[in-house]
PDB file of N, CA and C in Angstrom:
ATOM      1  N   THR A   1     -26.505  -2.243 -21.673  1.00  0.00           N
ATOM      2  CA  THR A   1     -25.508  -2.730 -20.722  1.00  0.00           C
ATOM      3  C   THR A   1     -25.970  -4.055 -20.145  1.00  0.00           C
ATOM      4  N   GLY A   2     -25.176  -5.117 -20.372  1.00  0.00           N
ATOM      5  CA  GLY A   2     -25.531  -6.462 -19.931  1.00  0.00           C
ATOM      6  C   GLY A   2     -24.995  -6.771 -18.547  1.00  0.00           C
ATOM      7  N   PRO A   3     -25.170  -8.031 -18.086  1.00  0.00           N
ATOM      8  CA  PRO A   3     -24.745  -8.407 -16.749  1.00  0.00           C
ATOM      9  C   PRO A   3     -23.240  -8.372 -16.544  1.00  0.00           C
ATOM     10  N   GLY A   4     -22.457  -8.444 -17.615  1.00  0.00           N
ATOM     11  CA  GLY A   4     -21.006  -8.431 -17.463  1.00  0.00           C
ATOM     12  C   GLY A   4     -20.402  -7.042 -17.590  1.00  0.00           C
ATOM     13  N   VAL A   5     -21.235  -6.014 -17.692  1.00  0.00           N
ATOM     14  CA  VAL A   5     -20.731  -4.657 -17.891  1.00  0.00           C
ATOM     15  C   VAL A   5     -20.411  -4.038 -16.534  1.00  0.00           C
ATOM     16  N   PRO A   6     -19.183  -3.522 -16.357  1.00  0.00           N
ATOM     17  CA  PRO A   6     -18.815  -2.952 -15.068  1.00  0.00           C
ATOM     18  C   PRO A   6     -19.480  -1.608 -14.803  1.00  0.00           C
ATOM     19  N   LEU A   7     -19.788  -1.340 -13.570  1.00  0.00           N
ATOM     20  CA  LEU A   7     -20.356  -0.070 -13.126  1.00  0.00           C
ATOM     21  C   LEU A   7     -19.494   0.484 -12.001  1.00  0.00           C
ATOM     22  N   LEU A   8     -19.430   1.802 -11.870  1.00  0.00           N
ATOM     23  CA  LEU A   8     -18.701   2.423 -10.772  1.00  0.00           C
ATOM     24  C   LEU A   8     -19.523   2.286  -9.509  1.00  0.00           C
ATOM     25  N   SER A   9     -18.869   1.918  -8.419  1.00  0.00           N
ATOM     26  CA  SER A   9     -19.588   1.778  -7.155  1.00  0.00           C
ATOM     27  C   SER A   9     -20.038   3.147  -6.676  1.00  0.00           C
ATOM     28  N   PRO A  10     -21.018   3.201  -5.762  1.00  0.00           N
ATOM     29  CA  PRO A  10     -21.493   4.488  -5.247  1.00  0.00           C
ATOM     30  C   PRO A  10     -20.365   5.307  -4.611  1.00  0.00           C
ATOM     31  N   SER A  11     -19.378   4.649  -4.008  1.00  0.00           N
ATOM     32  CA  SER A  11     -18.275   5.378  -3.384  1.00  0.00           C
ATOM     33  C   SER A  11     -17.264   5.838  -4.411  1.00  0.00           C
ATOM     34  N   GLY A  12     -17.331   5.278  -5.623  1.00  0.00           N
ATOM     35  CA  GLY A  12     -16.396   5.642  -6.671  1.00  0.00           C
ATOM     36  C   GLY A  12     -15.041   4.975  -6.519  1.00  0.00           C
ATOM     37  N   GLY A  13     -14.886   4.097  -5.515  1.00  0.00           N
ATOM     38  CA  GLY A  13     -13.585   3.519  -5.244  1.00  0.00           C
ATOM     39  C   GLY A  13     -13.273   2.252  -6.005  1.00  0.00           C
ATOM     40  N   PHE A  14     -14.255   1.553  -6.532  1.00  0.00           N
ATOM     41  CA  PHE A  14     -13.994   0.318  -7.254  1.00  0.00           C
ATOM     42  C   PHE A  14     -15.137   0.062  -8.209  1.00  0.00           C
ATOM     43  N   LEU A  15     -14.945  -0.869  -9.098  1.00  0.00           N
ATOM     44  CA  LEU A  15     -15.983  -1.195 -10.073  1.00  0.00           C
ATOM     45  C   LEU A  15     -16.773  -2.414  -9.628  1.00  0.00           C
ATOM     46  N   LEU A  16     -18.028  -2.421  -9.964  1.00  0.00           N
ATOM     47  CA  LEU A  16     -18.890  -3.568  -9.710  1.00  0.00           C
ATOM     48  C   LEU A  16     -19.553  -3.965 -11.017  1.00  0.00           C
ATOM     49  N   CYS A  17     -19.819  -5.245 -11.157  1.00  0.00           N
ATOM     50  CA  CYS A  17     -20.621  -5.690 -12.289  1.00  0.00           C
ATOM     51  C   CYS A  17     -22.080  -5.482 -11.917  1.00  0.00           C
ATOM     52  N   LYS A  18     -22.935  -5.538 -12.907  1.00  0.00           N
ATOM     53  CA  LYS A  18     -24.359  -5.416 -12.611  1.00  0.00           C
ATOM     54  C   LYS A  18     -24.820  -6.531 -11.683  1.00  0.00           C
ATOM     55  N   THR A  19     -24.067  -7.632 -11.686  1.00  0.00           N
ATOM     56  CA  THR A  19     -24.434  -8.736 -10.808  1.00  0.00           C
ATOM     57  C   THR A  19     -24.004  -8.458  -9.372  1.00  0.00           C
ATOM     58  N   GLY A  20     -23.222  -7.393  -9.158  1.00  0.00           N
ATOM     59  CA  GLY A  20     -22.735  -7.065  -7.831  1.00  0.00           C
ATOM     60  C   GLY A  20     -21.359  -7.636  -7.549  1.00  0.00           C
ATOM     61  N   TRP A  21     -20.798  -8.358  -8.520  1.00  0.00           N
ATOM     62  CA  TRP A  21     -19.471  -8.935  -8.326  1.00  0.00           C
ATOM     63  C   TRP A  21     -18.402  -7.880  -8.531  1.00  0.00           C
ATOM     64  N   PRO A  22     -17.257  -8.018  -7.842  1.00  0.00           N
ATOM     65  CA  PRO A  22     -16.159  -7.082  -8.085  1.00  0.00           C
ATOM     66  C   PRO A  22     -15.672  -7.215  -9.526  1.00  0.00           C
ATOM     67  N   CYS A  23     -15.105  -6.172 -10.021  1.00  0.00           N
ATOM     68  CA  CYS A  23     -14.707  -6.125 -11.415  1.00  0.00           C
ATOM     69  C   CYS A  23     -13.312  -5.538 -11.510  1.00  0.00           C
ATOM     70  N   SER A  24     -12.499  -6.054 -12.407  1.00  0.00           N
ATOM     71  CA  SER A  24     -11.154  -5.551 -12.613  1.00  0.00           C
ATOM     72  C   SER A  24     -11.208  -4.224 -13.349  1.00  0.00           C
ATOM     73  N   ARG A  25     -10.604  -3.161 -12.782  1.00  0.00           N
ATOM     74  CA  ARG A  25     -10.550  -1.856 -13.448  1.00  0.00           C
ATOM     75  C   ARG A  25      -9.799  -1.963 -14.765  1.00  0.00           C
ATOM     76  N   LEU A  26      -8.728  -2.737 -14.750  1.00  0.00           N
ATOM     77  CA  LEU A  26      -7.858  -2.805 -15.912  1.00  0.00           C
ATOM     78  C   LEU A  26      -8.557  -3.461 -17.093  1.00  0.00           C
ATOM     79  N   PHE A  27      -9.214  -4.570 -16.852  1.00  0.00           N
ATOM     80  CA  PHE A  27      -9.801  -5.323 -17.945  1.00  0.00           C
ATOM     81  C   PHE A  27     -11.314  -5.195 -18.023  1.00  0.00           C
ATOM     82  N   GLY A  28     -11.962  -4.735 -16.946  1.00  0.00           N
ATOM     83  CA  GLY A  28     -13.407  -4.602 -16.954  1.00  0.00           C
ATOM     84  C   GLY A  28     -14.114  -5.933 -16.957  1.00  0.00           C
ATOM     85  N   ASP A  29     -13.389  -7.017 -16.559  1.00  0.00           N
ATOM     86  CA  ASP A  29     -14.027  -8.322 -16.564  1.00  0.00           C
ATOM     87  C   ASP A  29     -14.683  -8.584 -15.215  1.00  0.00           C
ATOM     88  N   CYS A  30     -15.711  -9.389 -15.249  1.00  0.00           N
ATOM     89  CA  CYS A  30     -16.453  -9.693 -14.037  1.00  0.00           C
ATOM     90  C   CYS A  30     -16.379 -11.182 -13.766  1.00  0.00           C
ATOM     91  N   GLY A  31     -16.319 -11.523 -12.521  1.00  0.00           N
ATOM     92  CA  GLY A  31     -16.252 -12.929 -12.163  1.00  0.00           C
ATOM     93  C   GLY A  31     -16.967 -13.168 -10.864  1.00  0.00           C
ATOM     94  N   PRO A  32     -17.007 -14.414 -10.434  1.00  0.00           N
ATOM     95  CA  PRO A  32     -17.694 -14.710  -9.185  1.00  0.00           C
ATOM     96  C   PRO A  32     -16.968 -14.051  -8.020  1.00  0.00           C
ATOM     97  N   PRO A  33     -17.709 -13.685  -6.988  1.00  0.00           N
ATOM     98  CA  PRO A  33     -17.086 -13.021  -5.856  1.00  0.00           C
ATOM     99  C   PRO A  33     -16.126 -13.945  -5.117  1.00  0.00           C
ATOM    100  N   THR A  34     -15.073 -13.367  -4.590  1.00  0.00           N
ATOM    101  CA  THR A  34     -14.134 -14.117  -3.765  1.00  0.00           C
ATOM    102  C   THR A  34     -14.679 -14.109  -2.345  1.00  0.00           C
ATOM    103  N   PRO A  35     -14.756 -15.266  -1.698  1.00  0.00           N
ATOM    104  CA  PRO A  35     -15.247 -15.260  -0.316  1.00  0.00           C
ATOM    105  C   PRO A  35     -14.375 -14.358   0.545  1.00  0.00           C
ATOM    106  N   VAL A  36     -14.999 -13.647   1.492  1.00  0.00           N
ATOM    107  CA  VAL A  36     -14.275 -12.707   2.343  1.00  0.00           C
ATOM    108  C   VAL A  36     -13.150 -13.414   3.079  1.00  0.00           C
ATOM    109  N   SER A  37     -13.378 -14.647   3.530  1.00  0.00           N
ATOM    110  CA  SER A  37     -12.338 -15.364   4.267  1.00  0.00           C
ATOM    111  C   SER A  37     -11.098 -15.569   3.411  1.00  0.00           C
ATOM    112  N   THR A  38     -11.272 -15.788   2.104  1.00  0.00           N
ATOM    113  CA  THR A  38     -10.138 -15.952   1.198  1.00  0.00           C
ATOM    114  C   THR A  38      -9.514 -14.609   0.877  1.00  0.00           C
ATOM    115  N   ALA A  39     -10.358 -13.616   0.616  1.00  0.00           N
ATOM    116  CA  ALA A  39      -9.860 -12.301   0.224  1.00  0.00           C
ATOM    117  C   ALA A  39      -9.045 -11.650   1.336  1.00  0.00           C
ATOM    118  N   LEU A  40      -9.393 -11.902   2.571  1.00  0.00           N
ATOM    119  CA  LEU A  40      -8.715 -11.253   3.692  1.00  0.00           C
ATOM    120  C   LEU A  40      -7.731 -12.168   4.403  1.00  0.00           C
ATOM    121  N   SER A  41      -7.416 -13.319   3.809  1.00  0.00           N
ATOM    122  CA  SER A  41      -6.555 -14.285   4.482  1.00  0.00           C
ATOM    123  C   SER A  41      -5.130 -13.784   4.652  1.00  0.00           C
ATOM    124  N   PHE A  42      -4.732 -12.770   3.864  1.00  0.00           N
ATOM    125  CA  PHE A  42      -3.372 -12.252   3.981  1.00  0.00           C
ATOM    126  C   PHE A  42      -3.214 -11.321   5.185  1.00  0.00           C
ATOM    127  N   ILE A  43      -4.304 -10.885   5.808  1.00  0.00           N
ATOM    128  CA  ILE A  43      -4.230  -9.983   6.953  1.00  0.00           C
ATOM    129  C   ILE A  43      -4.177 -10.821   8.227  1.00  0.00           C
ATOM    130  N   PRO A  44      -3.072 -10.723   9.000  1.00  0.00           N
ATOM    131  CA  PRO A  44      -2.986 -11.491  10.237  1.00  0.00           C
ATOM    132  C   PRO A  44      -4.090 -11.111  11.209  1.00  0.00           C
ATOM    133  N   LEU A  45      -4.613 -12.095  11.915  1.00  0.00           N
ATOM    134  CA  LEU A  45      -5.656 -11.831  12.894  1.00  0.00           C
ATOM    135  C   LEU A  45      -5.126 -10.907  13.981  1.00  0.00           C
ATOM    136  N   GLY A  46      -5.943  -9.988  14.426  1.00  0.00           N
ATOM    137  CA  GLY A  46      -5.562  -9.088  15.492  1.00  0.00           C
ATOM    138  C   GLY A  46      -4.647  -7.951  15.049  1.00  0.00           C
ATOM    139  N   MET A  47      -4.395  -7.851  13.749  1.00  0.00           N
ATOM    140  CA  MET A  47      -3.525  -6.780  13.254  1.00  0.00           C
ATOM    141  C   MET A  47      -4.394  -5.644  12.738  1.00  0.00           C
ATOM    142  N   ALA A  48      -4.345  -4.533  13.407  1.00  0.00           N
ATOM    143  CA  ALA A  48      -5.045  -3.348  12.933  1.00  0.00           C
ATOM    144  C   ALA A  48      -3.995  -2.307  12.594  1.00  0.00           C
ATOM    145  N   ALA A  49      -4.326  -1.404  11.726  1.00  0.00           N
ATOM    146  CA  ALA A  49      -3.395  -0.337  11.385  1.00  0.00           C
ATOM    147  C   ALA A  49      -3.125   0.496  12.635  1.00  0.00           C
ATOM    148  N   PRO A  50      -1.863   0.852  12.866  1.00  0.00           N
ATOM    149  CA  PRO A  50      -1.551   1.661  14.045  1.00  0.00           C
ATOM    150  C   PRO A  50      -2.227   3.030  13.979  1.00  0.00           C
ATOM    151  N   SER A  51      -2.647   3.513  15.125  1.00  0.00           N
ATOM    152  CA  SER A  51      -3.245   4.840  15.193  1.00  0.00           C
ATOM    153  C   SER A  51      -2.158   5.892  14.991  1.00  0.00           C
ATOM    154  N   MET A  52      -2.568   7.144  14.842  1.00  0.00           N
ATOM    155  CA  MET A  52      -1.592   8.206  14.649  1.00  0.00           C
ATOM    156  C   MET A  52      -0.642   8.282  15.852  1.00  0.00           C
ATOM    157  N   LYS A  53      -1.173   8.145  17.046  1.00  0.00           N
ATOM    158  CA  LYS A  53      -0.337   8.201  18.247  1.00  0.00           C
ATOM    159  C   LYS A  53       0.658   7.033  18.270  1.00  0.00           C
ATOM    160  N   GLU A  54       0.192   5.829  17.913  1.00  0.00           N
ATOM    161  CA  GLU A  54       1.070   4.657  17.865  1.00  0.00           C
ATOM    162  C   GLU A  54       2.171   4.825  16.815  1.00  0.00           C
ATOM    163  N   ARG A  55       1.813   5.413  15.665  1.00  0.00           N
ATOM    164  CA  ARG A  55       2.826   5.665  14.634  1.00  0.00           C
ATOM    165  C   ARG A  55       3.874   6.650  15.135  1.00  0.00           C
ATOM    166  N   GLN A  56       3.432   7.698  15.816  1.00  0.00           N
ATOM    167  CA  GLN A  56       4.368   8.694  16.330  1.00  0.00           C
ATOM    168  C   GLN A  56       5.302   8.083  17.376  1.00  0.00           C
ATOM    169  N   VAL A  57       4.767   7.209  18.223  1.00  0.00           N
ATOM    170  CA  VAL A  57       5.596   6.539  19.224  1.00  0.00           C
ATOM    171  C   VAL A  57       6.627   5.651  18.531  1.00  0.00           C
ATOM    172  N   CYS A  58       6.196   4.916  17.516  1.00  0.00           N
ATOM    173  CA  CYS A  58       7.097   4.052  16.753  1.00  0.00           C
ATOM    174  C   CYS A  58       8.204   4.871  16.105  1.00  0.00           C
ATOM    175  N   TRP A  59       7.833   5.931  15.401  1.00  0.00           N
ATOM    176  CA  TRP A  59       8.825   6.754  14.712  1.00  0.00           C
ATOM    177  C   TRP A  59       9.797   7.398  15.691  1.00  0.00           C
ATOM    178  N   GLY A  60       9.276   7.812  16.863  1.00  0.00           N
ATOM    179  CA  GLY A  60      10.140   8.402  17.882  1.00  0.00           C
ATOM    180  C   GLY A  60      11.150   7.390  18.406  1.00  0.00           C
ATOM    181  N   ALA A  61      10.687   6.159  18.651  1.00  0.00           N
ATOM    182  CA  ALA A  61      11.579   5.090  19.128  1.00  0.00           C
ATOM    183  C   ALA A  61      12.617   4.766  18.066  1.00  0.00           C
ATOM    184  N   ARG A  62      12.205   4.728  16.809  1.00  0.00           N
ATOM    185  CA  ARG A  62      13.141   4.481  15.714  1.00  0.00           C
ATOM    186  C   ARG A  62      14.194   5.580  15.636  1.00  0.00           C
ATOM    187  N   ASP A  63      13.740   6.828  15.727  1.00  0.00           N
ATOM    188  CA  ASP A  63      14.672   7.954  15.637  1.00  0.00           C
ATOM    189  C   ASP A  63      15.688   7.939  16.779  1.00  0.00           C
ATOM    190  N   GLU A  64      15.242   7.611  17.993  1.00  0.00           N
ATOM    191  CA  GLU A  64      16.151   7.534  19.139  1.00  0.00           C
ATOM    192  C   GLU A  64      17.167   6.416  18.949  1.00  0.00           C
ATOM    193  N   TYR A  65      16.703   5.285  18.460  1.00  0.00           N
ATOM    194  CA  TYR A  65      17.596   4.150  18.211  1.00  0.00           C
ATOM    195  C   TYR A  65      18.623   4.501  17.139  1.00  0.00           C
ATOM    196  N   TRP A  66      18.160   5.083  16.041  1.00  0.00           N
ATOM    197  CA  TRP A  66      19.083   5.462  14.964  1.00  0.00           C
ATOM    198  C   TRP A  66      20.082   6.513  15.442  1.00  0.00           C
ATOM    199  N   LYS A  67      19.639   7.447  16.282  1.00  0.00           N
ATOM    200  CA  LYS A  67      20.536   8.469  16.825  1.00  0.00           C
ATOM    201  C   LYS A  67      21.630   7.813  17.662  1.00  0.00           C
ATOM    202  N   CYS A  68      21.237   6.834  18.472  1.00  0.00           N
ATOM    203  CA  CYS A  68      22.205   6.102  19.291  1.00  0.00           C
ATOM    204  C   CYS A  68      23.214   5.386  18.393  1.00  0.00           C
ATOM    205  N   LEU A  69      22.742   4.736  17.344  1.00  0.00           N
ATOM    206  CA  LEU A  69      23.651   4.057  16.415  1.00  0.00           C
ATOM    207  C   LEU A  69      24.625   5.045  15.777  1.00  0.00           C
ATOM    208  N   ASP A  70      24.117   6.204  15.388  1.00  0.00           N
ATOM    209  CA  ASP A  70      24.984   7.221  14.782  1.00  0.00           C
ATOM    210  C   ASP A  70      26.048   7.692  15.771  1.00  0.00           C
ATOM    211  N   GLU A  71      25.650   7.899  17.027  1.00  0.00           N
ATOM    212  CA  GLU A  71      26.578   8.391  18.049  1.00  0.00           C
ATOM    213  C   GLU A  71      27.589   7.330  18.469  1.00  0.00           C
ATOM    214  N   ASN A  72      27.260   6.064  18.267  1.00  0.00           N
ATOM    215  CA  ASN A  72      28.135   4.967  18.686  1.00  0.00           C
ATOM    216  C   ASN A  72      28.709   4.202  17.496  1.00  0.00           C
ATOM    217  N   THR A  73      28.858   4.864  16.391  1.00  0.00           N
ATOM    218  CA  THR A  73      29.444   4.283  15.177  1.00  0.00           C
ATOM    219  C   THR A  73      28.836   2.917  14.845  1.00  0.00           C
ATOM    220  N   ASP A  74      27.523   2.874  14.865  1.00  0.00           N
ATOM    221  CA  ASP A  74      26.761   1.662  14.534  1.00  0.00           C
ATOM    222  C   ASP A  74      27.080   0.464  15.438  1.00  0.00           C
ATOM    223  N   ASP A  75      27.526   0.712  16.666  1.00  0.00           N
ATOM    224  CA  ASP A  75      27.758  -0.352  17.643  1.00  0.00           C
ATOM    225  C   ASP A  75      26.434  -0.642  18.356  1.00  0.00           C
ATOM    226  N   ALA A  76      25.707  -1.636  17.860  1.00  0.00           N
ATOM    227  CA  ALA A  76      24.370  -1.946  18.376  1.00  0.00           C
ATOM    228  C   ALA A  76      24.392  -2.365  19.843  1.00  0.00           C
ATOM    229  N   SER A  77      25.514  -2.871  20.340  1.00  0.00           N
ATOM    230  CA  SER A  77      25.573  -3.302  21.735  1.00  0.00           C
ATOM    231  C   SER A  77      25.398  -2.125  22.694  1.00  0.00           C
ATOM    232  N   GLN A  78      25.689  -0.916  22.234  1.00  0.00           N
ATOM    233  CA  GLN A  78      25.526   0.278  23.064  1.00  0.00           C
ATOM    234  C   GLN A  78      24.074   0.771  23.087  1.00  0.00           C
ATOM    235  N   CYS A  79      23.242   0.207  22.233  1.00  0.00           N
ATOM    236  CA  CYS A  79      21.878   0.722  22.044  1.00  0.00           C
ATOM    237  C   CYS A  79      20.807  -0.334  22.306  1.00  0.00           C
ATOM    238  N   LYS A  80      21.112  -1.327  23.127  1.00  0.00           N
ATOM    239  CA  LYS A  80      20.180  -2.443  23.335  1.00  0.00           C
ATOM    240  C   LYS A  80      18.832  -1.995  23.890  1.00  0.00           C
ATOM    241  N   LYS A  81      18.850  -1.079  24.871  1.00  0.00           N
ATOM    242  CA  LYS A  81      17.585  -0.622  25.464  1.00  0.00           C
ATOM    243  C   LYS A  81      16.730   0.107  24.426  1.00  0.00           C
ATOM    244  N   LEU A  82      17.374   0.934  23.625  1.00  0.00           N
ATOM    245  CA  LEU A  82      16.632   1.669  22.608  1.00  0.00           C
ATOM    246  C   LEU A  82      16.118   0.732  21.514  1.00  0.00           C
ATOM    247  N   ARG A  83      16.884  -0.307  21.193  1.00  0.00           N
ATOM    248  CA  ARG A  83      16.418  -1.298  20.213  1.00  0.00           C
ATOM    249  C   ARG A  83      15.193  -2.019  20.757  1.00  0.00           C
ATOM    250  N   SER A  84      15.237  -2.368  22.028  1.00  0.00           N
ATOM    251  CA  SER A  84      14.106  -3.047  22.657  1.00  0.00           C
ATOM    252  C   SER A  84      12.863  -2.158  22.639  1.00  0.00           C
ATOM    253  N   SER A  85      13.054  -0.891  22.924  1.00  0.00           N
ATOM    254  CA  SER A  85      11.942   0.061  22.887  1.00  0.00           C
ATOM    255  C   SER A  85      11.397   0.195  21.471  1.00  0.00           C
ATOM    256  N   PHE A  86      12.287   0.257  20.501  1.00  0.00           N
ATOM    257  CA  PHE A  86      11.908   0.333  19.088  1.00  0.00           C
ATOM    258  C   PHE A  86      11.089  -0.889  18.702  1.00  0.00           C
ATOM    259  N   GLU A  87      11.553  -2.085  19.091  1.00  0.00           N
ATOM    260  CA  GLU A  87      10.852  -3.321  18.734  1.00  0.00           C
ATOM    261  C   GLU A  87       9.497  -3.438  19.416  1.00  0.00           C
ATOM    262  N   SER A  88       9.381  -2.912  20.626  1.00  0.00           N
ATOM    263  CA  SER A  88       8.093  -3.017  21.326  1.00  0.00           C
ATOM    264  C   SER A  88       7.117  -1.923  20.897  1.00  0.00           C
ATOM    265  N   SER A  89       7.605  -0.899  20.198  1.00  0.00           N
ATOM    266  CA  SER A  89       6.748   0.214  19.789  1.00  0.00           C
ATOM    267  C   SER A  89       6.243   0.119  18.352  1.00  0.00           C
ATOM    268  N   CYS A  90       6.841  -0.777  17.565  1.00  0.00           N
ATOM    269  CA  CYS A  90       6.516  -0.829  16.135  1.00  0.00           C
ATOM    270  C   CYS A  90       6.071  -2.221  15.709  1.00  0.00           C
ATOM    271  N   PRO A  91       5.210  -2.292  14.692  1.00  0.00           N
ATOM    272  CA  PRO A  91       4.866  -3.591  14.116  1.00  0.00           C
ATOM    273  C   PRO A  91       6.117  -4.253  13.517  1.00  0.00           C
ATOM    274  N   GLN A  92       6.167  -5.568  13.550  1.00  0.00           N
ATOM    275  CA  GLN A  92       7.335  -6.328  13.085  1.00  0.00           C
ATOM    276  C   GLN A  92       7.713  -5.982  11.642  1.00  0.00           C
ATOM    277  N   GLN A  93       6.725  -5.857  10.769  1.00  0.00           N
ATOM    278  CA  GLN A  93       7.016  -5.538   9.367  1.00  0.00           C
ATOM    279  C   GLN A  93       7.674  -4.166   9.244  1.00  0.00           C
ATOM    280  N   TRP A  94       7.261  -3.233  10.093  1.00  0.00           N
ATOM    281  CA  TRP A  94       7.850  -1.897  10.057  1.00  0.00           C
ATOM    282  C   TRP A  94       9.304  -1.957  10.502  1.00  0.00           C
ATOM    283  N   ILE A  95       9.589  -2.778  11.499  1.00  0.00           N
ATOM    284  CA  ILE A  95      10.964  -2.912  12.006  1.00  0.00           C
ATOM    285  C   ILE A  95      11.865  -3.422  10.883  1.00  0.00           C
ATOM    286  N   LYS A  96      11.399  -4.458  10.186  1.00  0.00           N
ATOM    287  CA  LYS A  96      12.171  -4.990   9.055  1.00  0.00           C
ATOM    288  C   LYS A  96      12.403  -3.907   8.002  1.00  0.00           C
ATOM    289  N   TYR A  97      11.352  -3.169   7.691  1.00  0.00           N
ATOM    290  CA  TYR A  97      11.462  -2.109   6.691  1.00  0.00           C
ATOM    291  C   TYR A  97      12.452  -1.041   7.142  1.00  0.00           C
ATOM    292  N   PHE A  98      12.336  -0.571   8.390  1.00  0.00           N
ATOM    293  CA  PHE A  98      13.216   0.485   8.883  1.00  0.00           C
ATOM    294  C   PHE A  98      14.673   0.020   8.939  1.00  0.00           C
ATOM    295  N   ASP A  99      14.906  -1.245   9.316  1.00  0.00           N
ATOM    296  CA  ASP A  99      16.274  -1.767   9.331  1.00  0.00           C
ATOM    297  C   ASP A  99      16.880  -1.740   7.917  1.00  0.00           C
ATOM    298  N   LYS A 100      16.099  -2.196   6.944  1.00  0.00           N
ATOM    299  CA  LYS A 100      16.573  -2.183   5.553  1.00  0.00           C
ATOM    300  C   LYS A 100      16.752  -0.752   5.062  1.00  0.00           C
ATOM    301  N   ARG A 101      15.854   0.119   5.467  1.00  0.00           N
ATOM    302  CA  ARG A 101      15.919   1.529   5.064  1.00  0.00           C
ATOM    303  C   ARG A 101      17.193   2.179   5.590  1.00  0.00           C
ATOM    304  N   ARG A 102      17.528   1.899   6.851  1.00  0.00           N
ATOM    305  CA  ARG A 102      18.747   2.483   7.423  1.00  0.00           C
ATOM    306  C   ARG A 102      19.978   1.974   6.670  1.00  0.00           C
ATOM    307  N   ASP A 103      20.013   0.678   6.405  1.00  0.00           N
ATOM    308  CA  ASP A 103      21.142   0.118   5.654  1.00  0.00           C
ATOM    309  C   ASP A 103      21.276   0.804   4.291  1.00  0.00           C
ATOM    310  N   TYR A 104      20.162   0.974   3.618  1.00  0.00           N
ATOM    311  CA  TYR A 104      20.179   1.628   2.311  1.00  0.00           C
ATOM    312  C   TYR A 104      20.674   3.069   2.424  1.00  0.00           C
ATOM    313  N   LEU A 105      20.147   3.818   3.405  1.00  0.00           N
ATOM    314  CA  LEU A 105      20.547   5.216   3.557  1.00  0.00           C
ATOM    315  C   LEU A 105      22.032   5.347   3.870  1.00  0.00           C
ATOM    316  N   LYS A 106      22.561   4.429   4.687  1.00  0.00           N
ATOM    317  CA  LYS A 106      23.995   4.452   5.002  1.00  0.00           C
ATOM    318  C   LYS A 106      24.819   4.127   3.755  1.00  0.00           C
ATOM    319  N   PHE A 107      24.380   3.133   2.986  1.00  0.00           N
ATOM    320  CA  PHE A 107      25.062   2.788   1.738  1.00  0.00           C
ATOM    321  C   PHE A 107      25.047   3.976   0.783  1.00  0.00           C
ATOM    322  N   LYS A 108      23.883   4.600   0.627  1.00  0.00           N
ATOM    323  CA  LYS A 108      23.734   5.728  -0.286  1.00  0.00           C
ATOM    324  C   LYS A 108      24.647   6.888   0.139  1.00  0.00           C
ATOM    325  N   GLU A 109      24.698   7.130   1.432  1.00  0.00           N
ATOM    326  CA  GLU A 109      25.545   8.197   1.966  1.00  0.00           C
ATOM    327  C   GLU A 109      27.024   7.948   1.613  1.00  0.00           C
ATOM    328  N   LYS A 110      27.486   6.707   1.829  1.00  0.00           N
ATOM    329  CA  LYS A 110      28.875   6.362   1.501  1.00  0.00           C
ATOM    330  C   LYS A 110      29.118   6.440  -0.008  1.00  0.00           C
ATOM    331  N   PHE A 111      28.173   5.950  -0.777  1.00  0.00           N
ATOM    332  CA  PHE A 111      28.309   5.939  -2.230  1.00  0.00           C
ATOM    333  C   PHE A 111      28.421   7.357  -2.778  1.00  0.00           C
ATOM    334  N   GLU A 112      27.544   8.245  -2.305  1.00  0.00           N
ATOM    335  CA  GLU A 112      27.551   9.624  -2.784  1.00  0.00           C
ATOM    336  C   GLU A 112      28.808  10.376  -2.347  1.00  0.00           C
ATOM    337  N   ALA A 113      29.384   9.968  -1.218  1.00  0.00           N
ATOM    338  CA  ALA A 113      30.609  10.606  -0.731  1.00  0.00           C
ATOM    339  C   ALA A 113      31.849  10.002  -1.387  1.00  0.00           C
ATOM    340  N   GLY A 114      31.664   8.980  -2.227  1.00  0.00           N
ATOM    341  CA  GLY A 114      32.786   8.333  -2.890  1.00  0.00           C
ATOM    342  C   GLY A 114      33.549   7.398  -1.980  1.00  0.00           C
ATOM    343  N   GLU A 115      32.938   6.982  -0.863  1.00  0.00           N
ATOM    344  CA  GLU A 115      33.599   6.109   0.112  1.00  0.00           C
ATOM    345  C   GLU A 115      33.258   4.639  -0.074  1.00  0.00           C
ATOM    346  N   PHE A 116      32.402   4.336  -1.030  1.00  0.00           N
ATOM    347  CA  PHE A 116      31.972   2.951  -1.217  1.00  0.00           C
ATOM    348  C   PHE A 116      33.084   2.142  -1.870  1.00  0.00           C
ATOM    349  N   GLN A 117      33.398   1.018  -1.277  1.00  0.00           N
ATOM    350  CA  GLN A 117      34.398   0.105  -1.819  1.00  0.00           C
ATOM    351  C   GLN A 117      33.689  -1.203  -2.161  1.00  0.00           C
ATOM    352  N   PRO A 118      33.606  -1.554  -3.445  1.00  0.00           N
ATOM    353  CA  PRO A 118      32.932  -2.813  -3.789  1.00  0.00           C
ATOM    354  C   PRO A 118      33.692  -3.996  -3.205  1.00  0.00           C
ATOM    355  N   SER A 119      32.952  -5.049  -2.904  1.00  0.00           N
ATOM    356  CA  SER A 119      33.585  -6.260  -2.375  1.00  0.00           C
ATOM    357  C   SER A 119      34.437  -6.882  -3.478  1.00  0.00           C
ATOM    358  N   LYS A 120      35.317  -7.789  -3.090  1.00  0.00           N
ATOM    359  CA  LYS A 120      36.197  -8.437  -4.073  1.00  0.00           C
ATOM    360  C   LYS A 120      35.400  -9.220  -5.104  1.00  0.00           C
ATOM    361  N   THR A 121      34.312  -9.865  -4.676  1.00  0.00           N
ATOM    362  CA  THR A 121      33.500 -10.641  -5.623  1.00  0.00           C
ATOM    363  C   THR A 121      32.782  -9.712  -6.597  1.00  0.00           C
ATOM    364  N   THR A 122      32.359  -8.541  -6.134  1.00  0.00           N
ATOM    365  CA  THR A 122      31.694  -7.578  -7.012  1.00  0.00           C
ATOM    366  C   THR A 122      32.685  -6.983  -8.011  1.00  0.00           C
ATOM    367  N   ALA A 123      33.883  -6.708  -7.544  1.00  0.00           N
ATOM    368  CA  ALA A 123      34.890  -6.097  -8.396  1.00  0.00           C
ATOM    369  C   ALA A 123      35.310  -7.037  -9.540  1.00  0.00           C
ATOM    370  N   LYS A 124      35.255  -8.342  -9.333  1.00  0.00           N
ATOM    371  CA  LYS A 124      35.657  -9.322 -10.358  1.00  0.00           C
ATOM    372  C   LYS A 124      34.642  -9.416 -11.484  1.00  0.00           C
ATOM    373  N   SER A 125      33.371  -9.170 -11.174  1.00  0.00           N
ATOM    374  CA  SER A 125      32.334  -9.345 -12.201  1.00  0.00           C
ATOM    375  C   SER A 125      32.158  -8.158 -13.087  1.00  0.00           C
TER     376      SER A 125
END
């Protein structure tokens, strides 16, 4: 086994070359290490994963907001306080995801019930 041969790390979670460089599982190739500052540049400073309690608070705020929307026929003006609570309880990326998720679930519900009406531009194509 030469210097370019990958080895399993002690934790078993990733491969290392004999040189200690990270190694691609798929190809088993080894290369120079990526500086930590570059490797972690996609993580915003001060962003830590929410704790279990923080996740539960976020999900609870989301559920209350969605319940309000359901009760008010998706009239967001009736649910401003709950939206504010939802936004202050969840990370921004989660809010975007949950908003898209709700839209998808509502679309799916209408589609499965046979209530979906394609737009005029969709119907032409």
